[in-house]
C-alpha atoms as a PDB file:
ATOM      1  CA  MET A   1     -21.826 -62.235 -83.144  1.00  0.00           C
ATOM      2  CA  ARG A   2     -19.490 -64.519 -81.466  1.00  0.00           C
ATOM      3  CA  GLY A   3     -15.905 -65.304 -80.339  1.00  0.00           C
ATOM      4  CA  LEU A   4     -13.707 -68.205 -81.174  1.00  0.00           C
ATOM      5  CA  THR A   5     -14.455 -70.431 -78.548  1.00  0.00           C
ATOM      6  CA  GLY A   6     -14.896 -74.546 -78.577  1.00  0.00           C
ATOM      7  CA  LEU A   7     -15.664 -76.245 -82.063  1.00  0.00           C
ATOM      8  CA  SER A   8     -15.352 -72.568 -83.935  1.00  0.00           C
ATOM      9  CA  ALA A   9     -11.980 -72.637 -82.329  1.00  0.00           C
ATOM     10  CA  LYS A  10     -10.562 -75.617 -83.274  1.00  0.00           C
ATOM     11  CA  LEU A  11     -12.010 -75.479 -86.955  1.00  0.00           C
ATOM     12  CA  TYR A  12      -9.806 -72.376 -86.608  1.00  0.00           C
ATOM     13  CA  LEU A  13      -6.945 -74.127 -85.795  1.00  0.00           C
ATOM     14  CA  LYS A  14      -7.096 -76.459 -88.053  1.00  0.00           C
ATOM     15  CA  THR A  15      -7.612 -74.221 -91.299  1.00  0.00           C
ATOM     16  CA  ILE A  16      -4.905 -72.121 -90.156  1.00  0.00           C
ATOM     17  CA  ARG A  17      -2.204 -74.966 -89.429  1.00  0.00           C
ATOM     18  CA  GLU A  18      -3.353 -77.222 -93.115  1.00  0.00           C
ATOM     19  CA  HIS A  19      -3.524 -74.524 -95.073  1.00  0.00           C
ATOM     20  CA  TYR A  20      -0.582 -72.349 -93.708  1.00  0.00           C
ATOM     21  CA  PRO A  21       2.623 -74.429 -92.719  1.00  0.00           C
ATOM     22  CA  ASP A  22       4.052 -71.258 -92.173  1.00  0.00           C
ATOM     23  CA  LEU A  23       2.628 -70.204 -89.454  1.00  0.00           C
ATOM     24  CA  ASP A  24       3.875 -73.130 -87.582  1.00  0.00           C
ATOM     25  CA  HIS A  25       6.131 -71.202 -84.959  1.00  0.00           C
ATOM     26  CA  ILE A  26       3.044 -69.296 -83.842  1.00  0.00           C
ATOM     27  CA  SER A  27       1.259 -71.296 -80.839  1.00  0.00           C
ATOM     28  CA  ASP A  28      -2.150 -72.623 -80.649  1.00  0.00           C
ATOM     29  CA  ASP A  29      -3.032 -70.054 -77.401  1.00  0.00           C
ATOM     30  CA  VAL A  30      -1.232 -66.971 -79.506  1.00  0.00           C
ATOM     31  CA  LEU A  31      -3.289 -68.061 -83.073  1.00  0.00           C
ATOM     32  CA  VAL A  32      -6.961 -68.429 -80.789  1.00  0.00           C
ATOM     33  CA  ALA A  33      -6.650 -64.978 -78.679  1.00  0.00           C
ATOM     34  CA  HIS A  34      -5.468 -63.355 -82.127  1.00  0.00           C
ATOM     35  CA  GLY A  35      -8.311 -65.021 -84.101  1.00  0.00           C
ATOM     36  CA  ASN A  36     -11.189 -64.099 -81.258  1.00  0.00           C
ATOM     37  CA  ALA A  37     -10.018 -60.200 -80.963  1.00  0.00           C
ATOM     38  CA  LEU A  38     -10.540 -60.543 -84.620  1.00  0.00           C
ATOM     39  CA  CYS A  39     -13.812 -61.789 -84.413  1.00  0.00           C
ATOM     40  CA  VAL A  40     -15.461 -59.667 -81.793  1.00  0.00           C
ATOM     41  CA  ALA A  41     -13.493 -56.562 -83.134  1.00  0.00           C
ATOM     42  CA  SER A  42     -15.963 -54.625 -86.041  1.00  0.00           C
ATOM     43  CA  GLY A  43     -15.406 -51.272 -87.887  1.00  0.00           C
ATOM     44  CA  GLN A  44     -12.232 -49.303 -87.345  1.00  0.00           C
ATOM     45  CA  ALA A  45     -11.385 -51.473 -84.205  1.00  0.00           C
ATOM     46  CA  LEU A  46     -11.242 -54.346 -86.441  1.00  0.00           C
ATOM     47  CA  VAL A  47      -8.776 -52.584 -88.760  1.00  0.00           C
ATOM     48  CA  ASP A  48      -6.359 -51.318 -85.608  1.00  0.00           C
ATOM     49  CA  GLN A  49      -6.222 -55.039 -84.451  1.00  0.00           C
ATOM     50  CA  ALA A  50      -5.912 -56.234 -87.731  1.00  0.00           C
ATOM     51  CA  ILE A  51      -2.561 -53.994 -87.832  1.00  0.00           C
ATOM     52  CA  LYS A  52      -1.912 -55.312 -84.097  1.00  0.00           C
ATOM     53  CA  THR A  53      -1.894 -58.767 -84.953  1.00  0.00           C
ATOM     54  CA  LYS A  54       0.047 -58.370 -88.346  1.00  0.00           C
ATOM     55  CA  GLN A  55       3.036 -56.533 -85.809  1.00  0.00           C
ATOM     56  CA  GLU A  56       2.715 -58.274 -83.143  1.00  0.00           C
ATOM     57  CA  LEU A  57       3.228 -61.778 -84.734  1.00  0.00           C
ATOM     58  CA  GLU A  58       5.310 -60.120 -87.303  1.00  0.00           C
ATOM     59  CA  LEU A  59       2.874 -61.407 -89.983  1.00  0.00           C
ATOM     60  CA  THR A  60       3.559 -60.537 -93.999  1.00  0.00           C
ATOM     61  CA  GLY A  61       0.347 -59.373 -95.721  1.00  0.00           C
ATOM     62  CA  LYS A  62      -0.387 -62.557 -96.680  1.00  0.00           C
ATOM     63  CA  GLU A  63       0.164 -64.691 -93.663  1.00  0.00           C
ATOM     64  CA  ALA A  64      -2.281 -61.216 -91.865  1.00  0.00           C
ATOM     65  CA  SER A  65      -4.967 -61.971 -94.603  1.00  0.00           C
ATOM     66  CA  ALA A  66      -5.261 -65.943 -93.426  1.00  0.00           C
ATOM     67  CA  ILE A  67      -5.439 -64.971 -90.266  1.00  0.00           C
ATOM     68  CA  LEU A  68      -8.136 -62.648 -91.205  1.00  0.00           C
ATOM     69  CA  GLY A  69     -10.293 -64.886 -93.369  1.00  0.00           C
ATOM     70  CA  SER A  70      -9.534 -67.807 -91.220  1.00  0.00           C
ATOM     71  CA  ALA A  71     -10.898 -66.445 -88.253  1.00  0.00           C
ATOM     72  CA  HIS A  72     -14.122 -64.278 -90.012  1.00  0.00           C
ATOM     73  CA  GLY A  73     -14.912 -67.693 -91.675  1.00  0.00           C
ATOM     74  CA  SER A  74     -14.946 -69.740 -87.540  1.00  0.00           C
ATOM     75  CA  CYS A  75     -16.002 -67.472 -85.831  1.00  0.00           C
ATOM     76  CA  GLY A  76     -19.725 -66.757 -87.235  1.00  0.00           C
ATOM     77  CA  ARG A  77     -19.008 -62.917 -88.283  1.00  0.00           C
ATOM     78  CA  LYS A  78     -21.573 -62.280 -91.264  1.00  0.00           C
ATOM     79  CA  ASN A  79     -19.923 -58.964 -92.038  1.00  0.00           C
ATOM     80  CA  ALA A  80     -16.209 -58.640 -91.273  1.00  0.00           C
ATOM     81  CA  PHE A  81     -16.658 -54.777 -91.226  1.00  0.00           C
ATOM     82  CA  GLY A  82     -19.806 -53.946 -88.964  1.00  0.00           C
END
């Protein structure tokens, strides 16, 4: 399991910025920090992190799903739930 670093972080940000312009009020650093936390978590910790990300960034369910999905696709995780 890998986190979002280097090229994967750039790909993640590019995906978010291109496909989810409503998230432009969230800084790159914050998006990467939350995306990375989602990448390295599994099981219940992943669920908890998804809830934390949604609450801390004041996201809608759709926006939170976008961040989770983009992080999952960019960090090299084969199975988001373990």
